[in-house]
Amino acid sequence: MDQKIVVTNPKLYILSPQAENDLAGIYAYIARDNLDAAERTLDKLLSACELLTDNPKIGQYRYDLTPLPVRFWLVQPRYFLIYRGENPVEIVRVLAANMDIARELAGE
């Protein structure tokens, strides 16, 4: 089942095309086993995106993972929101914490 990511207020933050793909992939992966858990996870991730619009500096730069000027914010203990900017915040990627994040970001 394809899940369309709906941003209720696009002025708050921007999802890059890759971040949209990341969210859709996370949703699809979890939904294979538990649709309710997939919905809850997506809600938590999108709520965290909104949190970043009010507090864009809460994330940390991780120059050990990428030279890009992006910040990392851990959601649950499982996913990183990788973002830049302040007004608006742009969500660049949404990656599982157990992934090879440096390799995933190397092509950005």
PDB file of N, CA and C in Angstrom:
ATOM      1  N   MET A   1       0.840  -1.168   0.000  1.00  0.00           N
ATOM      2  CA  MET A   1       0.000   0.000   0.000  1.00  0.00           C
ATOM      3  C   MET A   1       0.893   1.241   0.000  1.00  0.00           C
ATOM      4  N   ASP A   2       0.612   2.169  -0.913  1.00  0.00           N
ATOM      5  CA  ASP A   2       1.372   3.408  -0.957  1.00  0.00           C
ATOM      6  C   ASP A   2       0.788   4.386   0.044  1.00  0.00           C
ATOM      7  N   GLN A   3       1.670   5.025   0.791  1.00  0.00           N
ATOM      8  CA  GLN A   3       1.250   6.015   1.777  1.00  0.00           C
ATOM      9  C   GLN A   3       1.718   7.366   1.280  1.00  0.00           C
ATOM     10  N   LYS A   4       0.814   8.295   1.088  1.00  0.00           N
ATOM     11  CA  LYS A   4       1.153   9.652   0.698  1.00  0.00           C
ATOM     12  C   LYS A   4       1.408  10.453   1.963  1.00  0.00           C
ATOM     13  N   ILE A   5       2.566  11.087   2.015  1.00  0.00           N
ATOM     14  CA  ILE A   5       2.918  11.913   3.162  1.00  0.00           C
ATOM     15  C   ILE A   5       2.237  13.269   2.986  1.00  0.00           C
ATOM     16  N   VAL A   6       1.417  13.647   3.939  1.00  0.00           N
ATOM     17  CA  VAL A   6       0.682  14.902   3.865  1.00  0.00           C
ATOM     18  C   VAL A   6       1.208  15.835   4.941  1.00  0.00           C
ATOM     19  N   VAL A   7       1.741  16.962   4.519  1.00  0.00           N
ATOM     20  CA  VAL A   7       2.221  17.978   5.446  1.00  0.00           C
ATOM     21  C   VAL A   7       1.084  18.967   5.638  1.00  0.00           C
ATOM     22  N   THR A   8       0.628  19.122   6.873  1.00  0.00           N
ATOM     23  CA  THR A   8      -0.544  19.947   7.136  1.00  0.00           C
ATOM     24  C   THR A   8      -0.266  21.437   7.013  1.00  0.00           C
ATOM     25  N   ASN A   9       0.950  21.869   7.276  1.00  0.00           N
ATOM     26  CA  ASN A   9       1.295  23.275   7.138  1.00  0.00           C
ATOM     27  C   ASN A   9       2.675  23.374   6.509  1.00  0.00           C
ATOM     28  N   PRO A  10       2.743  23.437   5.178  1.00  0.00           N
ATOM     29  CA  PRO A  10       4.041  23.413   4.513  1.00  0.00           C
ATOM     30  C   PRO A  10       4.907  24.633   4.789  1.00  0.00           C
ATOM     31  N   LYS A  11       4.350  25.689   5.374  1.00  0.00           N
ATOM     32  CA  LYS A  11       5.157  26.858   5.699  1.00  0.00           C
ATOM     33  C   LYS A  11       6.075  26.589   6.886  1.00  0.00           C
ATOM     34  N   LEU A  12       5.748  25.582   7.682  1.00  0.00           N
ATOM     35  CA  LEU A  12       6.542  25.292   8.863  1.00  0.00           C
ATOM     36  C   LEU A  12       7.876  24.651   8.514  1.00  0.00           C
ATOM     37  N   TYR A  13       7.849  23.723   7.568  1.00  0.00           N
ATOM     38  CA  TYR A  13       9.069  23.031   7.162  1.00  0.00           C
ATOM     39  C   TYR A  13       8.885  22.489   5.758  1.00  0.00           C
ATOM     40  N   ILE A  14      10.002  22.157   5.153  1.00  0.00           N
ATOM     41  CA  ILE A  14      10.013  21.598   3.807  1.00  0.00           C
ATOM     42  C   ILE A  14      10.604  20.205   3.892  1.00  0.00           C
ATOM     43  N   LEU A  15       9.967  19.255   3.228  1.00  0.00           N
ATOM     44  CA  LEU A  15      10.532  17.913   3.090  1.00  0.00           C
ATOM     45  C   LEU A  15      11.188  17.823   1.719  1.00  0.00           C
ATOM     46  N   SER A  16      12.468  17.486   1.692  1.00  0.00           N
ATOM     47  CA  SER A  16      13.112  17.252   0.401  1.00  0.00           C
ATOM     48  C   SER A  16      12.475  16.024  -0.238  1.00  0.00           C
ATOM     49  N   PRO A  17      12.597  15.877  -1.551  1.00  0.00           N
ATOM     50  CA  PRO A  17      12.073  14.657  -2.185  1.00  0.00           C
ATOM     51  C   PRO A  17      12.651  13.387  -1.563  1.00  0.00           C
ATOM     52  N   GLN A  18      13.930  13.417  -1.208  1.00  0.00           N
ATOM     53  CA  GLN A  18      14.535  12.232  -0.599  1.00  0.00           C
ATOM     54  C   GLN A  18      13.957  11.968   0.790  1.00  0.00           C
ATOM     55  N   ALA A  19      13.692  13.031   1.553  1.00  0.00           N
ATOM     56  CA  ALA A  19      13.074  12.847   2.874  1.00  0.00           C
ATOM     57  C   ALA A  19      11.670  12.268   2.735  1.00  0.00           C
ATOM     58  N   GLU A  20      10.922  12.716   1.720  1.00  0.00           N
ATOM     59  CA  GLU A  20       9.600  12.134   1.474  1.00  0.00           C
ATOM     60  C   GLU A  20       9.724  10.645   1.167  1.00  0.00           C
ATOM     61  N   ASN A  21      10.707  10.289   0.340  1.00  0.00           N
ATOM     62  CA  ASN A  21      10.947   8.871   0.030  1.00  0.00           C
ATOM     63  C   ASN A  21      11.330   8.093   1.280  1.00  0.00           C
ATOM     64  N   ASP A  22      12.176   8.705   2.118  1.00  0.00           N
ATOM     65  CA  ASP A  22      12.587   8.043   3.363  1.00  0.00           C
ATOM     66  C   ASP A  22      11.369   7.750   4.240  1.00  0.00           C
ATOM     67  N   LEU A  23      10.505   8.752   4.409  1.00  0.00           N
ATOM     68  CA  LEU A  23       9.316   8.576   5.246  1.00  0.00           C
ATOM     69  C   LEU A  23       8.385   7.507   4.674  1.00  0.00           C
ATOM     70  N   ALA A  24       8.198   7.532   3.372  1.00  0.00           N
ATOM     71  CA  ALA A  24       7.339   6.523   2.739  1.00  0.00           C
ATOM     72  C   ALA A  24       7.923   5.127   2.922  1.00  0.00           C
ATOM     73  N   GLY A  25       9.246   5.014   2.827  1.00  0.00           N
ATOM     74  CA  GLY A  25       9.895   3.719   3.015  1.00  0.00           C
ATOM     75  C   GLY A  25       9.785   3.217   4.441  1.00  0.00           C
ATOM     76  N   ILE A  26       9.962   4.116   5.400  1.00  0.00           N
ATOM     77  CA  ILE A  26       9.826   3.754   6.817  1.00  0.00           C
ATOM     78  C   ILE A  26       8.400   3.278   7.087  1.00  0.00           C
ATOM     79  N   TYR A  27       7.440   4.038   6.582  1.00  0.00           N
ATOM     80  CA  TYR A  27       6.037   3.678   6.778  1.00  0.00           C
ATOM     81  C   TYR A  27       5.743   2.301   6.179  1.00  0.00           C
ATOM     82  N   ALA A  28       6.161   2.090   4.946  1.00  0.00           N
ATOM     83  CA  ALA A  28       5.880   0.818   4.263  1.00  0.00           C
ATOM     84  C   ALA A  28       6.531  -0.353   4.986  1.00  0.00           C
ATOM     85  N   TYR A  29       7.759  -0.158   5.446  1.00  0.00           N
ATOM     86  CA  TYR A  29       8.482  -1.230   6.138  1.00  0.00           C
ATOM     87  C   TYR A  29       7.748  -1.643   7.418  1.00  0.00           C
ATOM     88  N   ILE A  30       7.347  -0.664   8.207  1.00  0.00           N
ATOM     89  CA  ILE A  30       6.665  -0.967   9.471  1.00  0.00           C
ATOM     90  C   ILE A  30       5.259  -1.505   9.210  1.00  0.00           C
ATOM     91  N   ALA A  31       4.573  -0.944   8.213  1.00  0.00           N
ATOM     92  CA  ALA A  31       3.185  -1.328   7.929  1.00  0.00           C
ATOM     93  C   ALA A  31       3.053  -2.774   7.475  1.00  0.00           C
ATOM     94  N   ARG A  32       4.125  -3.355   6.964  1.00  0.00           N
ATOM     95  CA  ARG A  32       4.058  -4.769   6.560  1.00  0.00           C
ATOM     96  C   ARG A  32       3.655  -5.648   7.735  1.00  0.00           C
ATOM     97  N   ASP A  33       4.108  -5.259   8.931  1.00  0.00           N
ATOM     98  CA  ASP A  33       3.819  -6.049  10.127  1.00  0.00           C
ATOM     99  C   ASP A  33       2.758  -5.430  11.029  1.00  0.00           C
ATOM    100  N   ASN A  34       2.671  -4.076  11.019  1.00  0.00           N
ATOM    101  CA  ASN A  34       1.792  -3.437  11.997  1.00  0.00           C
ATOM    102  C   ASN A  34       1.400  -2.046  11.496  1.00  0.00           C
ATOM    103  N   LEU A  35       0.222  -1.949  10.919  1.00  0.00           N
ATOM    104  CA  LEU A  35      -0.246  -0.685  10.356  1.00  0.00           C
ATOM    105  C   LEU A  35      -0.371   0.405  11.417  1.00  0.00           C
ATOM    106  N   ASP A  36      -0.865   0.056  12.598  1.00  0.00           N
ATOM    107  CA  ASP A  36      -0.994   1.052  13.672  1.00  0.00           C
ATOM    108  C   ASP A  36       0.367   1.601  14.084  1.00  0.00           C
ATOM    109  N   ALA A  37       1.356   0.737  14.185  1.00  0.00           N
ATOM    110  CA  ALA A  37       2.705   1.186  14.544  1.00  0.00           C
ATOM    111  C   ALA A  37       3.274   2.093  13.455  1.00  0.00           C
ATOM    112  N   ALA A  38       2.981   1.782  12.204  1.00  0.00           N
ATOM    113  CA  ALA A  38       3.447   2.626  11.104  1.00  0.00           C
ATOM    114  C   ALA A  38       2.836   4.017  11.205  1.00  0.00           C
ATOM    115  N   GLU A  39       1.545   4.084  11.497  1.00  0.00           N
ATOM    116  CA  GLU A  39       0.868   5.379  11.658  1.00  0.00           C
ATOM    117  C   GLU A  39       1.457   6.167  12.827  1.00  0.00           C
ATOM    118  N   ARG A  40       1.666   5.496  13.943  1.00  0.00           N
ATOM    119  CA  ARG A  40       2.236   6.169  15.129  1.00  0.00           C
ATOM    120  C   ARG A  40       3.643   6.687  14.841  1.00  0.00           C
ATOM    121  N   THR A  41       4.444   5.878  14.173  1.00  0.00           N
ATOM    122  CA  THR A  41       5.814   6.289  13.862  1.00  0.00           C
ATOM    123  C   THR A  41       5.810   7.495  12.937  1.00  0.00           C
ATOM    124  N   LEU A  42       4.989   7.460  11.896  1.00  0.00           N
ATOM    125  CA  LEU A  42       4.904   8.591  10.977  1.00  0.00           C
ATOM    126  C   LEU A  42       4.442   9.843  11.712  1.00  0.00           C
ATOM    127  N   ASP A  43       3.446   9.715  12.580  1.00  0.00           N
ATOM    128  CA  ASP A  43       2.976  10.864  13.364  1.00  0.00           C
ATOM    129  C   ASP A  43       4.089  11.435  14.233  1.00  0.00           C
ATOM    130  N   LYS A  44       4.869  10.568  14.882  1.00  0.00           N
ATOM    131  CA  LYS A  44       5.973  11.042  15.729  1.00  0.00           C
ATOM    132  C   LYS A  44       7.029  11.765  14.904  1.00  0.00           C
ATOM    133  N   LEU A  45       7.345  11.224  13.746  1.00  0.00           N
ATOM    134  CA  LEU A  45       8.358  11.856  12.903  1.00  0.00           C
ATOM    135  C   LEU A  45       7.885  13.215  12.393  1.00  0.00           C
ATOM    136  N   LEU A  46       6.642  13.310  11.949  1.00  0.00           N
ATOM    137  CA  LEU A  46       6.126  14.589  11.462  1.00  0.00           C
ATOM    138  C   LEU A  46       5.959  15.594  12.600  1.00  0.00           C
ATOM    139  N   SER A  47       5.593  15.136  13.784  1.00  0.00           N
ATOM    140  CA  SER A  47       5.526  16.034  14.948  1.00  0.00           C
ATOM    141  C   SER A  47       6.907  16.568  15.291  1.00  0.00           C
ATOM    142  N   ALA A  48       7.918  15.725  15.163  1.00  0.00           N
ATOM    143  CA  ALA A  48       9.294  16.167  15.421  1.00  0.00           C
ATOM    144  C   ALA A  48       9.723  17.206  14.389  1.00  0.00           C
ATOM    145  N   CYS A  49       9.270  17.066  13.152  1.00  0.00           N
ATOM    146  CA  CYS A  49       9.568  18.080  12.132  1.00  0.00           C
ATOM    147  C   CYS A  49       8.994  19.428  12.550  1.00  0.00           C
ATOM    148  N   GLU A  50       7.771  19.417  13.063  1.00  0.00           N
ATOM    149  CA  GLU A  50       7.151  20.653  13.531  1.00  0.00           C
ATOM    150  C   GLU A  50       7.901  21.231  14.727  1.00  0.00           C
ATOM    151  N   LEU A  51       8.366  20.370  15.623  1.00  0.00           N
ATOM    152  CA  LEU A  51       9.154  20.824  16.771  1.00  0.00           C
ATOM    153  C   LEU A  51      10.397  21.579  16.304  1.00  0.00           C
ATOM    154  N   LEU A  52      11.017  21.094  15.251  1.00  0.00           N
ATOM    155  CA  LEU A  52      12.228  21.736  14.744  1.00  0.00           C
ATOM    156  C   LEU A  52      11.963  23.140  14.219  1.00  0.00           C
ATOM    157  N   THR A  53      10.759  23.409  13.752  1.00  0.00           N
ATOM    158  CA  THR A  53      10.468  24.754  13.260  1.00  0.00           C
ATOM    159  C   THR A  53      10.475  25.774  14.392  1.00  0.00           C
ATOM    160  N   ASP A  54      10.080  25.336  15.582  1.00  0.00           N
ATOM    161  CA  ASP A  54      10.097  26.232  16.744  1.00  0.00           C
ATOM    162  C   ASP A  54      11.456  26.260  17.432  1.00  0.00           C
ATOM    163  N   ASN A  55      12.234  25.213  17.241  1.00  0.00           N
ATOM    164  CA  ASN A  55      13.529  25.067  17.916  1.00  0.00           C
ATOM    165  C   ASN A  55      14.579  24.561  16.927  1.00  0.00           C
ATOM    166  N   PRO A  56      14.887  25.327  15.892  1.00  0.00           N
ATOM    167  CA  PRO A  56      15.752  24.803  14.834  1.00  0.00           C
ATOM    168  C   PRO A  56      17.188  24.514  15.267  1.00  0.00           C
ATOM    169  N   LYS A  57      17.610  25.050  16.381  1.00  0.00           N
ATOM    170  CA  LYS A  57      18.996  24.832  16.810  1.00  0.00           C
ATOM    171  C   LYS A  57      19.151  23.692  17.808  1.00  0.00           C
ATOM    172  N   ILE A  58      18.091  22.924  18.055  1.00  0.00           N
ATOM    173  CA  ILE A  58      18.216  21.845  19.036  1.00  0.00           C
ATOM    174  C   ILE A  58      19.027  20.671  18.510  1.00  0.00           C
ATOM    175  N   GLY A  59      19.104  20.529  17.203  1.00  0.00           N
ATOM    176  CA  GLY A  59      19.903  19.441  16.643  1.00  0.00           C
ATOM    177  C   GLY A  59      21.384  19.747  16.722  1.00  0.00           C
ATOM    178  N   GLN A  60      22.172  18.727  16.486  1.00  0.00           N
ATOM    179  CA  GLN A  60      23.627  18.869  16.545  1.00  0.00           C
ATOM    180  C   GLN A  60      24.227  18.660  15.166  1.00  0.00           C
ATOM    181  N   TYR A  61      25.284  19.413  14.883  1.00  0.00           N
ATOM    182  CA  TYR A  61      26.076  19.129  13.690  1.00  0.00           C
ATOM    183  C   TYR A  61      26.859  17.858  13.961  1.00  0.00           C
ATOM    184  N   ARG A  62      27.013  17.019  12.961  1.00  0.00           N
ATOM    185  CA  ARG A  62      27.749  15.765  13.101  1.00  0.00           C
ATOM    186  C   ARG A  62      28.796  15.689  11.995  1.00  0.00           C
ATOM    187  N   TYR A  63      29.854  16.476  12.170  1.00  0.00           N
ATOM    188  CA  TYR A  63      30.900  16.504  11.155  1.00  0.00           C
ATOM    189  C   TYR A  63      31.678  15.201  11.096  1.00  0.00           C
ATOM    190  N   ASP A  64      31.474  14.332  12.090  1.00  0.00           N
ATOM    191  CA  ASP A  64      32.062  12.995  12.016  1.00  0.00           C
ATOM    192  C   ASP A  64      31.325  12.125  10.996  1.00  0.00           C
ATOM    193  N   LEU A  65      30.116  12.535  10.622  1.00  0.00           N
ATOM    194  CA  LEU A  65      29.318  11.771   9.663  1.00  0.00           C
ATOM    195  C   LEU A  65      29.228  12.421   8.290  1.00  0.00           C
ATOM    196  N   THR A  66      29.294  13.751   8.255  1.00  0.00           N
ATOM    197  CA  THR A  66      29.169  14.453   6.981  1.00  0.00           C
ATOM    198  C   THR A  66      29.768  15.852   7.095  1.00  0.00           C
ATOM    199  N   PRO A  67      30.388  16.341   6.017  1.00  0.00           N
ATOM    200  CA  PRO A  67      30.865  17.723   6.025  1.00  0.00           C
ATOM    201  C   PRO A  67      29.740  18.726   5.732  1.00  0.00           C
ATOM    202  N   LEU A  68      28.572  18.224   5.402  1.00  0.00           N
ATOM    203  CA  LEU A  68      27.445  19.098   5.091  1.00  0.00           C
ATOM    204  C   LEU A  68      27.004  19.878   6.329  1.00  0.00           C
ATOM    205  N   PRO A  69      26.565  21.111   6.145  1.00  0.00           N
ATOM    206  CA  PRO A  69      26.089  21.910   7.281  1.00  0.00           C
ATOM    207  C   PRO A  69      24.640  21.554   7.632  1.00  0.00           C
ATOM    208  N   VAL A  70      24.469  20.328   8.101  1.00  0.00           N
ATOM    209  CA  VAL A  70      23.139  19.839   8.482  1.00  0.00           C
ATOM    210  C   VAL A  70      23.166  19.438   9.947  1.00  0.00           C
ATOM    211  N   ARG A  71      22.017  19.542  10.573  1.00  0.00           N
ATOM    212  CA  ARG A  71      21.876  19.148  11.972  1.00  0.00           C
ATOM    213  C   ARG A  71      21.143  17.813  12.054  1.00  0.00           C
ATOM    214  N   PHE A  72      21.371  17.118  13.160  1.00  0.00           N
ATOM    215  CA  PHE A  72      20.765  15.814  13.406  1.00  0.00           C
ATOM    216  C   PHE A  72      19.903  15.900  14.656  1.00  0.00           C
ATOM    217  N   TRP A  73      18.690  15.354  14.565  1.00  0.00           N
ATOM    218  CA  TRP A  73      17.798  15.284  15.713  1.00  0.00           C
ATOM    219  C   TRP A  73      17.276  13.857  15.807  1.00  0.00           C
ATOM    220  N   LEU A  74      17.505  13.226  16.959  1.00  0.00           N
ATOM    221  CA  LEU A  74      17.090  11.844  17.169  1.00  0.00           C
ATOM    222  C   LEU A  74      15.624  11.789  17.598  1.00  0.00           C
ATOM    223  N   VAL A  75      14.835  11.016  16.868  1.00  0.00           N
ATOM    224  CA  VAL A  75      13.416  10.831  17.165  1.00  0.00           C
ATOM    225  C   VAL A  75      13.223   9.377  17.551  1.00  0.00           C
ATOM    226  N   GLN A  76      12.521   9.165  18.653  1.00  0.00           N
ATOM    227  CA  GLN A  76      12.456   7.853  19.278  1.00  0.00           C
ATOM    228  C   GLN A  76      13.926   7.528  19.564  1.00  0.00           C
ATOM    229  N   PRO A  77      14.299   6.312  19.725  1.00  0.00           N
ATOM    230  CA  PRO A  77      15.744   6.078  19.712  1.00  0.00           C
ATOM    231  C   PRO A  77      16.159   5.515  18.364  1.00  0.00           C
ATOM    232  N   ARG A  78      15.308   5.660  17.372  1.00  0.00           N
ATOM    233  CA  ARG A  78      15.488   4.876  16.168  1.00  0.00           C
ATOM    234  C   ARG A  78      15.778   5.658  14.897  1.00  0.00           C
ATOM    235  N   TYR A  79      15.329   6.901  14.785  1.00  0.00           N
ATOM    236  CA  TYR A  79      15.443   7.642  13.528  1.00  0.00           C
ATOM    237  C   TYR A  79      16.079   9.005  13.741  1.00  0.00           C
ATOM    238  N   PHE A  80      16.888   9.404  12.771  1.00  0.00           N
ATOM    239  CA  PHE A  80      17.453  10.746  12.756  1.00  0.00           C
ATOM    240  C   PHE A  80      16.726  11.589  11.723  1.00  0.00           C
ATOM    241  N   LEU A  81      16.277  12.772  12.143  1.00  0.00           N
ATOM    242  CA  LEU A  81      15.879  13.797  11.193  1.00  0.00           C
ATOM    243  C   LEU A  81      17.138  14.581  10.889  1.00  0.00           C
ATOM    244  N   ILE A  82      17.474  14.691   9.642  1.00  0.00           N
ATOM    245  CA  ILE A  82      18.669  15.414   9.215  1.00  0.00           C
ATOM    246  C   ILE A  82      18.158  16.636   8.458  1.00  0.00           C
ATOM    247  N   TYR A  83      18.523  17.817   8.950  1.00  0.00           N
ATOM    248  CA  TYR A  83      17.886  19.029   8.443  1.00  0.00           C
ATOM    249  C   TYR A  83      18.857  20.196   8.397  1.00  0.00           C
ATOM    250  N   ARG A  84      18.413  21.232   7.681  1.00  0.00           N
ATOM    251  CA  ARG A  84      19.188  22.476   7.620  1.00  0.00           C
ATOM    252  C   ARG A  84      18.219  23.653   7.641  1.00  0.00           C
ATOM    253  N   GLY A  85      18.800  24.794   7.946  1.00  0.00           N
ATOM    254  CA  GLY A  85      18.021  26.017   7.886  1.00  0.00           C
ATOM    255  C   GLY A  85      17.234  26.304   9.144  1.00  0.00           C
ATOM    256  N   GLU A  86      16.650  27.477   9.125  1.00  0.00           N
ATOM    257  CA  GLU A  86      15.859  27.916  10.268  1.00  0.00           C
ATOM    258  C   GLU A  86      14.497  28.432   9.849  1.00  0.00           C
ATOM    259  N   ASN A  87      14.415  29.072   8.717  1.00  0.00           N
ATOM    260  CA  ASN A  87      13.148  29.669   8.318  1.00  0.00           C
ATOM    261  C   ASN A  87      12.994  29.616   6.811  1.00  0.00           C
ATOM    262  N   PRO A  88      12.461  28.588   6.269  1.00  0.00           N
ATOM    263  CA  PRO A  88      11.929  27.404   6.934  1.00  0.00           C
ATOM    264  C   PRO A  88      13.002  26.340   7.148  1.00  0.00           C
ATOM    265  N   VAL A  89      12.707  25.406   8.009  1.00  0.00           N
ATOM    266  CA  VAL A  89      13.560  24.237   8.205  1.00  0.00           C
ATOM    267  C   VAL A  89      13.345  23.314   7.011  1.00  0.00           C
ATOM    268  N   GLU A  90      14.436  22.802   6.457  1.00  0.00           N
ATOM    269  CA  GLU A  90      14.336  21.812   5.383  1.00  0.00           C
ATOM    270  C   GLU A  90      14.793  20.462   5.914  1.00  0.00           C
ATOM    271  N   ILE A  91      13.901  19.493   5.905  1.00  0.00           N
ATOM    272  CA  ILE A  91      14.249  18.131   6.295  1.00  0.00           C
ATOM    273  C   ILE A  91      14.899  17.491   5.075  1.00  0.00           C
ATOM    274  N   VAL A  92      16.190  17.199   5.192  1.00  0.00           N
ATOM    275  CA  VAL A  92      16.965  16.674   4.071  1.00  0.00           C
ATOM    276  C   VAL A  92      16.792  15.169   3.949  1.00  0.00           C
ATOM    277  N   ARG A  93      16.897  14.462   5.075  1.00  0.00           N
ATOM    278  CA  ARG A  93      16.761  12.999   5.098  1.00  0.00           C
ATOM    279  C   ARG A  93      16.132  12.581   6.416  1.00  0.00           C
ATOM    280  N   VAL A  94      15.555  11.389   6.414  1.00  0.00           N
ATOM    281  CA  VAL A  94      15.063  10.735   7.627  1.00  0.00           C
ATOM    282  C   VAL A  94      15.636   9.327   7.569  1.00  0.00           C
ATOM    283  N   LEU A  95      16.610   9.051   8.443  1.00  0.00           N
ATOM    284  CA  LEU A  95      17.348   7.789   8.359  1.00  0.00           C
ATOM    285  C   LEU A  95      17.296   7.036   9.679  1.00  0.00           C
ATOM    286  N   ALA A  96      17.268   5.734   9.567  1.00  0.00           N
ATOM    287  CA  ALA A  96      17.336   4.886  10.754  1.00  0.00           C
ATOM    288  C   ALA A  96      18.715   5.035  11.386  1.00  0.00           C
ATOM    289  N   ALA A  97      18.751   5.083  12.689  1.00  0.00           N
ATOM    290  CA  ALA A  97      20.006   5.295  13.412  1.00  0.00           C
ATOM    291  C   ALA A  97      21.002   4.168  13.192  1.00  0.00           C
ATOM    292  N   ASN A  98      20.518   2.985  12.822  1.00  0.00           N
ATOM    293  CA  ASN A  98      21.434   1.859  12.627  1.00  0.00           C
ATOM    294  C   ASN A  98      21.975   1.766  11.199  1.00  0.00           C
ATOM    295  N   MET A  99      21.643   2.732  10.359  1.00  0.00           N
ATOM    296  CA  MET A  99      22.151   2.742   8.984  1.00  0.00           C
ATOM    297  C   MET A  99      23.565   3.310   8.949  1.00  0.00           C
ATOM    298  N   ASP A 100      24.241   3.105   7.837  1.00  0.00           N
ATOM    299  CA  ASP A 100      25.531   3.745   7.592  1.00  0.00           C
ATOM    300  C   ASP A 100      25.226   5.161   7.097  1.00  0.00           C
ATOM    301  N   ILE A 101      25.040   6.055   8.039  1.00  0.00           N
ATOM    302  CA  ILE A 101      24.571   7.404   7.723  1.00  0.00           C
ATOM    303  C   ILE A 101      25.585   8.165   6.881  1.00  0.00           C
ATOM    304  N   ALA A 102      26.863   8.013   7.181  1.00  0.00           N
ATOM    305  CA  ALA A 102      27.893   8.700   6.398  1.00  0.00           C
ATOM    306  C   ALA A 102      27.787   8.299   4.931  1.00  0.00           C
ATOM    307  N   ARG A 103      27.598   7.025   4.669  1.00  0.00           N
ATOM    308  CA  ARG A 103      27.479   6.555   3.286  1.00  0.00           C
ATOM    309  C   ARG A 103      26.193   7.069   2.638  1.00  0.00           C
ATOM    310  N   GLU A 104      25.111   7.071   3.387  1.00  0.00           N
ATOM    311  CA  GLU A 104      23.833   7.561   2.855  1.00  0.00           C
ATOM    312  C   GLU A 104      23.906   9.041   2.474  1.00  0.00           C
ATOM    313  N   LEU A 105      24.647   9.822   3.255  1.00  0.00           N
ATOM    314  CA  LEU A 105      24.733  11.260   2.998  1.00  0.00           C
ATOM    315  C   LEU A 105      25.831  11.631   2.011  1.00  0.00           C
ATOM    316  N   ALA A 106      26.683  10.698   1.667  1.00  0.00           N
ATOM    317  CA  ALA A 106      27.810  10.996   0.782  1.00  0.00           C
ATOM    318  C   ALA A 106      27.350  11.516  -0.574  1.00  0.00           C
ATOM    319  N   GLY A 107      26.185  11.110  -1.016  1.00  0.00           N
ATOM    320  CA  GLY A 107      25.692  11.551  -2.315  1.00  0.00           C
ATOM    321  C   GLY A 107      24.880  12.832  -2.280  1.00  0.00           C
ATOM    322  N   GLU A 108      24.686  13.414  -1.121  1.00  0.00           N
ATOM    323  CA  GLU A 108      23.864  14.629  -1.002  1.00  0.00           C
ATOM    324  C   GLU A 108      24.614  15.848  -1.484  1.00  0.00           C
TER     325      GLU A 108
END
